[in-house]
Each structure stands twice: as C-alpha cells, then as structure tokens.
Amino acid sequence: QWYQRRVRGNIIGDGPECRDYVIHHGVVDPVISFVKDTTPLTFLRNIVWVIANLCRNKDPPPSAEVVQKVLPALFSLVQHTDNEVLTDACWALSYLTDGADDQIQNVLNSGVAPYLVQHLGQTDVRVLTPAVRAVGNIVTGSEHQTQAALDCGCLSFFPALLQHHKESIKKEAVWTISNITAGTKSQIQAVIDHGLIPLVINALETGDFNTQKEAAWSVSNMTVNGTPEQIKYLIEQQAVRSMCALLGVRDPTIVQVLLDGLNNMLETSKDDCEDICRMIEDCGGLDKIEELQKHQNKQIYKLAFDIIDKFFSSEDYLENDDENFNFQINSSEQQLAPEGGFNF
C-alpha cells in the first residue's frame, strides 16, 4: 500500500494534467482519510507528501473542491511535531497561497495562518523555507489579507529572518517586507515599529543581488505609500546612500525602481529637499543620475532628466552648492558595500 501511494504521489507531481487525472479517479478522499493520530509516522510522511503534490502547480491550480477537502487536513498537519510532516504541509500551503486573492482567502478561512506564522521561528531550514514563502504569498494579497498575517504576529520574526545566515531565507524575508511596504500607512508603520527598516537597508547594501533587488522594491514602495514622516525616517536610516550605490547596475527595472524612490523622496521632502540633493551628490549619486540621462531605456533617461531638471538645476540649489546641510542621519556606521564589491 505504501508503494502504491508513493507511485500516485509521483504521478500527481508530474504536472497539472497528471494531478487532475489522478484526482478524477478518486485519490483525494482515501489520501486525506489517513491524516489521523493512529497513522504510523513513516506512512503519514508519505501521505502529506502526496497532499503537497495535490496542491502543486498553478496553471491551472487545483479545483476549489479539492482545496476545500485538503485544507482541514493541512490545518491538522501544520500543527504536527515532526519536521518532515511540517515541511510538506508548509510547502502545500505555499502552493495554495500562490495565486489570486480568493485562493489566499480560502487558506486564511481555514484557520492555518497562526500556526503557519509560528513556523517562521523554526531553526530547521527545511520547514522555515516554505513557511516564509507561504506567509510572503499571503501578503501579496489584499490589504486585509496582509493585515491578517500581521495580526498573527509575523513581523516579530523578521529581525531574525532579515539577518539569517542563509541568503535565500533573507531574500524571501525582504521580498515579504516589500509587499507589506506596498500596503497601507499603518502597515508601513508596523514595519518601522518592529525595527525592520535598518535591516532592509543593510540588505540593500550587503545582500547578494537578488536580495538587493527585493530591498530596492521595499524602500521604493515605502516612498510611494508612506507618509512624509515615514519617508523622512527612511532617509534618516541612510537609504539615499544605499539606493544611489545601486544606480549603476545593469538591471533596468531596478534602476527605474531606485530612481522612482529617489524622485518620490525629493518630491515629498519640501523643506529638506536641498539636504537630500546634497546627500545624493555627496555619495556620487548625482554623477550616476546624470549618466543615466544617456540610458537606452526611455523611462530611465526621462526620469533621470526630470530629477536633474527639477531638483538640481534651480538657482537656489546652485547658489548653495558649497554650504553645509543639516539633515539628521542615523549615526550608526554601516558598510556601503561588501568587500570585493557587489556580486551581480
């Protein structure tokens, strides 16, 4: 019987057509019937692996009927004490949350979120990886779905996640934050209150390029959705220097994201605009923006031109070019780039 389940699991995992073929022949009910306390652990591990494969693939995703059948089983499995069971249960939930808002809502309605969030504190990377992915998927949904994750206390785990020794975990954590800073002002404030912005900026400075890209989105989203006070806080944490340092990368999407963020900072800064201009100039950002006026990407060169034209060509700015500025920067010393330079 174990061998038969394993074969079915392999077939299900081969793609949506094979998955739906096996589901059509009635595999779901017998499989979930084994999710009970009396099932031997070795067999249960195999069962949850099959369930994870039932939830895989998003083109198309499993039917709503199948999802409604497996979610009660996953509610039980995500509370298990065995890490192999937890790993596949969390992967199953990461698959089910990787989709439209209604798919995310089905998972939230099942009540699994508080248990899923607790696994963000896991020391076993096998469990932690899909748990971070699943929570990250949830906060890609509506602001109410994002708030549901925050209400479960997910942000309290992010200081550790943003400093995790495994770069892939750090990247997933920064990606999650980028989706929260794309949310409401109160959600951005929650990120600030948990002390996460300095850690995101550190990731922007020192992470590998995939992590830096997510950090760029995190800070840029904050300049779009944050209050002037929240944006000022971002500047005080030395975000300008870190953003300017990446303006020379070859990824045009990230260059545009960074330029948008700098432009938004300047637009909302009002009385502090000159100080921010000076920061940009002193860290070499102005030279890079001037060079970007020659960029082959139309959006990039236009945005670079607009920044120079609006903020660096005024008589007031040019007359005060040699004066000191007094914008308060966080005094903690942070390394601008890892030794040996950035790793693209």
Protein backbone atom coordinates (compact mmCIF):
# COMPACT_ATOMS: atom_id res chain seq x y z
CA GLN A 1 0.00 0.00 0.00
CA TRP A 2 2.88 2.43 0.83
CA TYR A 3 4.37 1.73 -2.61
CA GLN A 4 1.05 2.46 -4.31
CA ARG A 5 0.77 5.82 -2.50
CA ARG A 6 4.32 6.69 -3.49
CA VAL A 7 3.63 5.92 -7.14
CA ARG A 8 0.47 8.02 -7.06
CA GLY A 9 2.39 10.87 -5.46
CA ASN A 10 4.99 10.74 -8.21
CA ILE A 11 2.30 10.76 -10.90
CA ILE A 12 0.49 13.69 -9.26
CA GLY A 13 3.72 15.68 -9.10
CA ASP A 14 4.34 15.37 -12.85
CA GLY A 15 2.12 18.34 -13.72
CA PRO A 16 -1.45 19.66 -13.58
CA GLU A 17 -2.75 17.21 -16.18
CA CYS A 18 -1.45 14.18 -14.26
CA ARG A 19 -2.60 15.71 -10.98
CA ASP A 20 -6.13 16.26 -12.27
CA TYR A 21 -6.22 12.81 -13.87
CA VAL A 22 -5.46 11.12 -10.55
CA ILE A 23 -7.90 13.41 -8.72
CA HIS A 24 -10.60 12.48 -11.26
CA HIS A 25 -10.08 8.84 -10.34
CA GLY A 26 -10.84 9.50 -6.69
CA VAL A 27 -7.48 9.79 -4.92
CA VAL A 28 -8.30 12.72 -2.63
CA ASP A 29 -10.70 11.17 -0.12
CA PRO A 30 -8.65 8.00 0.53
CA VAL A 31 -5.46 10.03 0.98
CA ILE A 32 -6.85 12.55 3.46
CA SER A 33 -8.56 9.73 5.41
CA PHE A 34 -5.08 8.72 6.63
CA VAL A 35 -4.49 12.11 8.28
CA LYS A 36 -5.19 10.95 11.85
CA ASP A 37 -3.31 10.26 15.05
CA THR A 38 -3.26 6.50 14.56
CA THR A 39 -1.44 6.59 11.22
CA PRO A 40 2.19 5.44 11.61
CA LEU A 41 4.59 8.38 11.25
CA THR A 42 6.51 6.91 8.32
CA PHE A 43 3.27 6.42 6.39
CA LEU A 44 1.94 9.85 7.41
CA ARG A 45 5.06 11.47 5.98
CA ASN A 46 4.27 9.86 2.67
CA ILE A 47 0.64 10.94 2.86
CA VAL A 48 1.48 14.61 3.45
CA TRP A 49 3.95 14.46 0.57
CA VAL A 50 1.10 13.27 -1.68
CA ILE A 51 -1.15 16.07 -0.36
CA ALA A 52 1.57 18.63 -1.17
CA ASN A 53 1.68 17.31 -4.73
CA LEU A 54 -2.10 17.58 -4.94
CA CYS A 55 -1.71 21.29 -4.17
CA ARG A 56 1.13 21.93 -6.62
CA ASN A 57 1.01 23.65 -10.00
CA LYS A 58 -0.89 26.86 -10.68
CA ASP A 59 -1.68 26.65 -14.38
CA PRO A 60 -4.36 25.76 -13.58
CA PRO A 61 -4.44 25.46 -9.76
CA PRO A 62 -6.31 22.58 -8.14
CA SER A 63 -10.07 22.99 -8.11
CA ALA A 64 -11.85 24.75 -5.26
CA GLU A 65 -13.47 21.42 -4.35
CA VAL A 66 -10.09 19.75 -3.87
CA VAL A 67 -8.74 22.70 -1.90
CA GLN A 68 -11.71 22.64 0.46
CA LYS A 69 -11.10 18.94 1.09
CA VAL A 70 -7.36 19.19 1.80
CA LEU A 71 -7.35 22.35 3.93
CA PRO A 72 -8.81 20.69 7.06
CA ALA A 73 -6.12 18.02 6.74
CA LEU A 74 -3.44 20.70 6.39
CA PHE A 75 -4.86 22.52 9.43
CA SER A 76 -4.07 19.38 11.41
CA LEU A 77 -0.73 18.65 9.74
CA VAL A 78 0.69 22.16 10.21
CA GLN A 79 0.38 21.58 13.96
CA HIS A 80 2.34 18.31 13.88
CA THR A 81 5.61 17.93 15.78
CA ASP A 82 7.54 16.06 13.09
CA ASN A 83 9.62 18.35 10.90
CA GLU A 84 9.27 16.18 7.78
CA VAL A 85 5.50 16.36 8.09
CA LEU A 86 5.69 20.11 8.73
CA THR A 87 7.94 20.66 5.72
CA ASP A 88 5.49 19.18 3.23
CA ALA A 89 2.49 20.73 4.98
CA CYS A 90 4.10 24.18 4.67
CA TRP A 91 5.00 23.54 1.03
CA ALA A 92 1.38 22.60 0.36
CA LEU A 93 0.22 25.88 1.91
CA SER A 94 2.80 27.83 -0.07
CA TYR A 95 1.36 26.33 -3.27
CA LEU A 96 -2.22 27.14 -2.27
CA THR A 97 -1.38 30.77 -1.41
CA ASP A 98 0.48 31.34 -4.68
CA GLY A 99 -2.40 32.79 -6.61
CA ALA A 100 -5.30 35.21 -6.67
CA ASP A 101 -6.83 36.81 -3.60
CA ASP A 102 -9.67 34.27 -3.46
CA GLN A 103 -7.15 31.43 -3.21
CA ILE A 104 -5.35 33.23 -0.39
CA GLN A 105 -8.65 33.84 1.35
CA ASN A 106 -9.55 30.15 1.25
CA VAL A 107 -6.34 29.39 3.14
CA LEU A 108 -6.95 32.18 5.67
CA ASN A 109 -10.53 30.97 6.22
CA SER A 110 -9.20 27.54 7.18
CA GLY A 111 -7.52 28.99 10.28
CA VAL A 112 -3.99 27.79 9.47
CA ALA A 113 -2.35 31.23 9.46
CA PRO A 114 -1.44 31.48 13.18
CA TYR A 115 0.22 28.05 13.08
CA LEU A 116 1.97 28.83 9.82
CA VAL A 117 3.34 32.10 11.22
CA GLN A 118 4.76 30.31 14.26
CA HIS A 119 6.95 28.26 11.93
CA LEU A 120 8.76 31.49 10.97
CA GLY A 121 10.69 30.84 14.16
CA GLN A 122 11.83 27.39 13.02
CA THR A 123 15.52 26.56 13.19
CA ASP A 124 15.09 23.78 10.62
CA VAL A 125 15.55 25.46 7.23
CA ARG A 126 13.51 22.70 5.57
CA VAL A 127 10.42 23.92 7.42
CA LEU A 128 11.36 27.60 7.51
CA THR A 129 11.78 27.96 3.73
CA PRO A 130 8.20 27.05 2.73
CA ALA A 131 6.79 28.81 5.81
CA VAL A 132 8.39 32.12 4.78
CA ARG A 133 7.23 31.59 1.21
CA ALA A 134 3.63 30.92 2.31
CA VAL A 135 3.48 33.99 4.58
CA GLY A 136 5.09 36.03 1.80
CA ASN A 137 2.40 34.85 -0.59
CA ILE A 138 -0.33 35.86 1.83
CA VAL A 139 0.91 39.45 1.99
CA THR A 140 0.80 39.70 -1.81
CA GLY A 141 -2.97 39.68 -1.43
CA SER A 142 -5.34 42.46 -0.43
CA GLU A 143 -4.53 44.89 2.39
CA HIS A 144 -6.97 42.93 4.59
CA GLN A 145 -5.14 39.67 3.87
CA THR A 146 -1.82 41.37 4.59
CA GLN A 147 -3.26 42.62 7.85
CA ALA A 148 -4.37 39.09 8.74
CA ALA A 149 -0.73 37.97 8.57
CA LEU A 150 0.39 40.98 10.61
CA ASP A 151 -2.31 40.29 13.20
CA CYS A 152 -0.81 36.81 13.66
CA GLY A 153 2.42 38.48 14.76
CA CYS A 154 4.52 37.64 11.72
CA LEU A 155 6.67 40.78 11.90
CA SER A 156 8.15 39.77 15.25
CA PHE A 157 10.07 37.01 13.45
CA PHE A 158 11.57 39.25 10.79
CA PRO A 159 14.55 40.70 12.67
CA ALA A 160 16.00 37.19 12.71
CA LEU A 161 14.86 36.36 9.17
CA LEU A 162 16.41 39.52 7.71
CA GLN A 163 19.73 38.55 9.29
CA HIS A 164 19.52 34.85 8.52
CA HIS A 165 22.77 33.10 7.58
CA LYS A 166 21.09 31.54 4.54
CA GLU A 167 20.82 34.13 1.78
CA SER A 168 17.73 32.54 0.22
CA ILE A 169 15.84 32.99 3.50
CA LYS A 170 16.97 36.60 3.75
CA LYS A 171 15.85 37.24 0.17
CA GLU A 172 12.39 35.75 0.85
CA ALA A 173 12.12 37.85 4.01
CA VAL A 174 12.99 41.09 2.18
CA TRP A 175 10.53 40.16 -0.59
CA THR A 176 7.83 39.75 2.07
CA ILE A 177 8.62 43.17 3.53
CA SER A 178 8.43 44.71 0.03
CA ASN A 179 4.84 43.55 -0.23
CA ILE A 180 3.99 44.94 3.20
CA THR A 181 5.50 48.35 2.38
CA ALA A 182 3.27 48.30 -0.70
CA GLY A 183 0.34 48.30 1.69
CA THR A 184 -1.28 50.86 3.96
CA LYS A 185 0.44 53.55 6.02
CA SER A 186 -0.37 51.68 9.24
CA GLN A 187 1.21 48.53 7.83
CA ILE A 188 4.34 50.51 6.88
CA GLN A 189 4.37 51.90 10.42
CA ALA A 190 4.26 48.37 11.80
CA VAL A 191 7.40 47.57 9.76
CA ILE A 192 9.07 50.67 11.21
CA ASP A 193 7.95 49.89 14.77
CA HIS A 194 9.49 46.42 14.58
CA GLY A 195 12.85 47.97 13.70
CA LEU A 196 12.99 46.38 10.26
CA ILE A 197 13.91 49.33 8.04
CA PRO A 198 17.61 49.44 9.05
CA LEU A 199 17.81 45.71 8.34
CA VAL A 200 16.21 46.14 4.91
CA ILE A 201 18.68 48.92 4.11
CA ASN A 202 21.53 46.70 5.27
CA ALA A 203 20.25 44.05 2.84
CA LEU A 204 20.19 46.71 0.12
CA GLU A 205 23.86 47.41 0.85
CA THR A 206 25.31 43.99 1.57
CA GLY A 207 22.99 41.27 0.26
CA ASP A 208 23.51 39.36 -2.95
CA PHE A 209 21.90 40.95 -6.00
CA ASN A 210 18.63 39.01 -5.74
CA THR A 211 18.26 40.21 -2.15
CA GLN A 212 19.23 43.76 -3.12
CA LYS A 213 16.53 43.81 -5.79
CA GLU A 214 13.85 42.96 -3.23
CA ALA A 215 15.27 45.57 -0.84
CA ALA A 216 15.10 48.17 -3.62
CA TRP A 217 11.40 47.40 -4.05
CA SER A 218 10.91 47.57 -0.26
CA VAL A 219 12.27 51.10 0.09
CA SER A 220 10.76 52.37 -3.16
CA ASN A 221 7.31 51.06 -2.23
CA MET A 222 7.64 52.88 1.06
CA THR A 223 8.28 56.18 -0.75
CA VAL A 224 5.08 55.66 -2.74
CA ASN A 225 2.78 54.58 0.09
CA GLY A 226 4.33 56.11 3.20
CA THR A 227 3.58 59.40 4.95
CA PRO A 228 6.10 62.25 4.71
CA GLU A 229 7.21 61.39 8.25
CA GLN A 230 7.74 57.73 7.32
CA ILE A 231 9.72 58.73 4.24
CA LYS A 232 11.81 61.11 6.36
CA TYR A 233 12.55 58.21 8.72
CA LEU A 234 13.67 56.15 5.72
CA ILE A 235 16.07 58.92 4.70
CA GLU A 236 17.42 59.18 8.24
CA GLN A 237 18.34 55.49 8.06
CA GLN A 238 20.76 56.27 5.19
CA ALA A 239 18.52 54.90 2.47
CA VAL A 240 19.62 57.57 -0.02
CA ARG A 241 23.25 56.47 0.02
CA SER A 242 22.33 52.81 -0.32
CA MET A 243 19.94 53.49 -3.21
CA CYS A 244 22.48 55.62 -5.08
CA ALA A 245 25.10 52.89 -4.72
CA LEU A 246 22.98 50.59 -6.90
CA LEU A 247 22.17 53.05 -9.67
CA GLY A 248 24.96 51.63 -11.81
CA VAL A 249 23.57 48.09 -12.05
CA ARG A 250 22.59 46.65 -15.41
CA ASP A 251 19.05 45.68 -14.45
CA PRO A 252 16.87 48.47 -15.92
CA THR A 253 13.86 47.55 -13.78
CA ILE A 254 15.82 48.03 -10.56
CA VAL A 255 17.41 51.26 -11.82
CA GLN A 256 13.95 52.63 -12.53
CA VAL A 257 12.65 51.46 -9.15
CA LEU A 258 15.52 53.26 -7.42
CA LEU A 259 15.08 56.43 -9.46
CA ASP A 260 11.36 56.42 -8.69
CA GLY A 261 12.17 56.09 -5.00
CA LEU A 262 14.68 58.95 -5.04
CA ASN A 263 12.26 61.12 -7.01
CA ASN A 264 9.48 60.40 -4.51
CA MET A 265 11.78 61.31 -1.63
CA LEU A 266 12.63 64.63 -3.26
CA GLU A 267 9.01 65.34 -4.14
CA THR A 268 7.78 64.82 -0.56
CA SER A 269 10.74 66.34 1.29
CA LYS A 270 9.70 70.01 0.89
CA ASP A 271 11.95 71.97 3.30
CA ASP A 272 14.54 69.17 3.35
CA CYS A 273 14.83 68.88 -0.43
CA GLU A 274 18.19 70.67 -0.63
CA ASP A 275 19.64 68.44 2.07
CA ILE A 276 18.58 65.33 0.17
CA CYS A 277 20.06 66.74 -3.02
CA ARG A 278 23.32 67.21 -1.15
CA MET A 279 23.22 63.62 0.10
CA ILE A 280 22.69 62.38 -3.45
CA GLU A 281 25.57 64.50 -4.71
CA ASP A 282 27.99 63.67 -1.88
CA CYS A 283 27.62 59.90 -2.30
CA GLY A 284 28.15 60.05 -6.06
CA GLY A 285 24.50 59.61 -6.91
CA LEU A 286 24.25 62.81 -8.92
CA ASP A 287 27.01 61.69 -11.27
CA LYS A 288 25.18 58.41 -11.81
CA ILE A 289 21.85 60.13 -12.44
CA GLU A 290 23.50 62.45 -14.94
CA GLU A 291 24.98 59.43 -16.71
CA LEU A 292 21.55 57.76 -16.76
CA GLN A 293 20.29 60.60 -18.97
CA LYS A 294 22.10 58.69 -21.73
CA HIS A 295 20.42 55.36 -20.90
CA GLN A 296 18.85 53.46 -23.80
CA ASN A 297 15.70 52.83 -21.74
CA LYS A 298 13.30 55.69 -22.44
CA GLN A 299 11.67 55.65 -18.99
CA ILE A 300 15.04 55.71 -17.25
CA TYR A 301 16.58 58.57 -19.19
CA LYS A 302 13.38 60.62 -18.92
CA LEU A 303 13.16 60.08 -15.17
CA ALA A 304 16.87 60.89 -14.74
CA PHE A 305 16.42 64.06 -16.81
CA ASP A 306 13.37 65.10 -14.79
CA ILE A 307 15.22 64.64 -11.48
CA ILE A 308 18.15 66.75 -12.67
CA ASP A 309 15.85 69.38 -14.16
CA LYS A 310 13.53 69.70 -11.16
CA PHE A 311 15.93 69.37 -8.25
CA PHE A 312 19.50 70.06 -9.37
CA SER A 313 19.13 72.95 -11.82
CA SER A 314 17.47 75.56 -9.66
CA GLU A 315 19.32 78.78 -8.80
CA ASP A 316 18.75 78.20 -5.10
CA TYR A 317 20.46 74.82 -5.24
CA LEU A 318 23.37 76.02 -7.34
CA GLU A 319 23.93 79.09 -5.14
CA ASN A 320 24.08 76.96 -2.01
CA ASP A 321 26.33 74.33 -3.56
CA ASP A 322 29.14 74.94 -1.07
CA GLU A 323 27.03 75.31 2.06
CA ASN A 324 26.74 72.66 4.74
CA PHE A 325 23.49 70.83 5.20
CA ASN A 326 21.94 69.70 8.47
CA PHE A 327 19.57 66.82 7.67
CA GLN A 328 19.94 64.35 10.55
CA ILE A 329 21.37 61.00 9.53
CA ASN A 330 21.39 57.93 11.72
CA SER A 331 24.83 57.98 13.30
CA SER A 332 25.44 54.25 13.22
CA GLU A 333 28.21 53.34 10.82
CA GLN A 334 27.12 50.94 8.09
CA GLN A 335 29.31 49.40 5.41
CA LEU A 336 28.39 50.68 1.96
CA ALA A 337 29.30 47.50 0.09
CA PRO A 338 30.74 44.07 0.87
CA GLU A 339 34.48 43.61 0.47
CA GLY A 340 35.32 42.97 -3.14
CA GLY A 341 32.33 44.98 -4.31
CA PHE A 342 28.84 43.91 -5.23
CA ASN A 343 28.26 40.44 -6.61
CA PHE A 344 25.99 40.66 -9.67
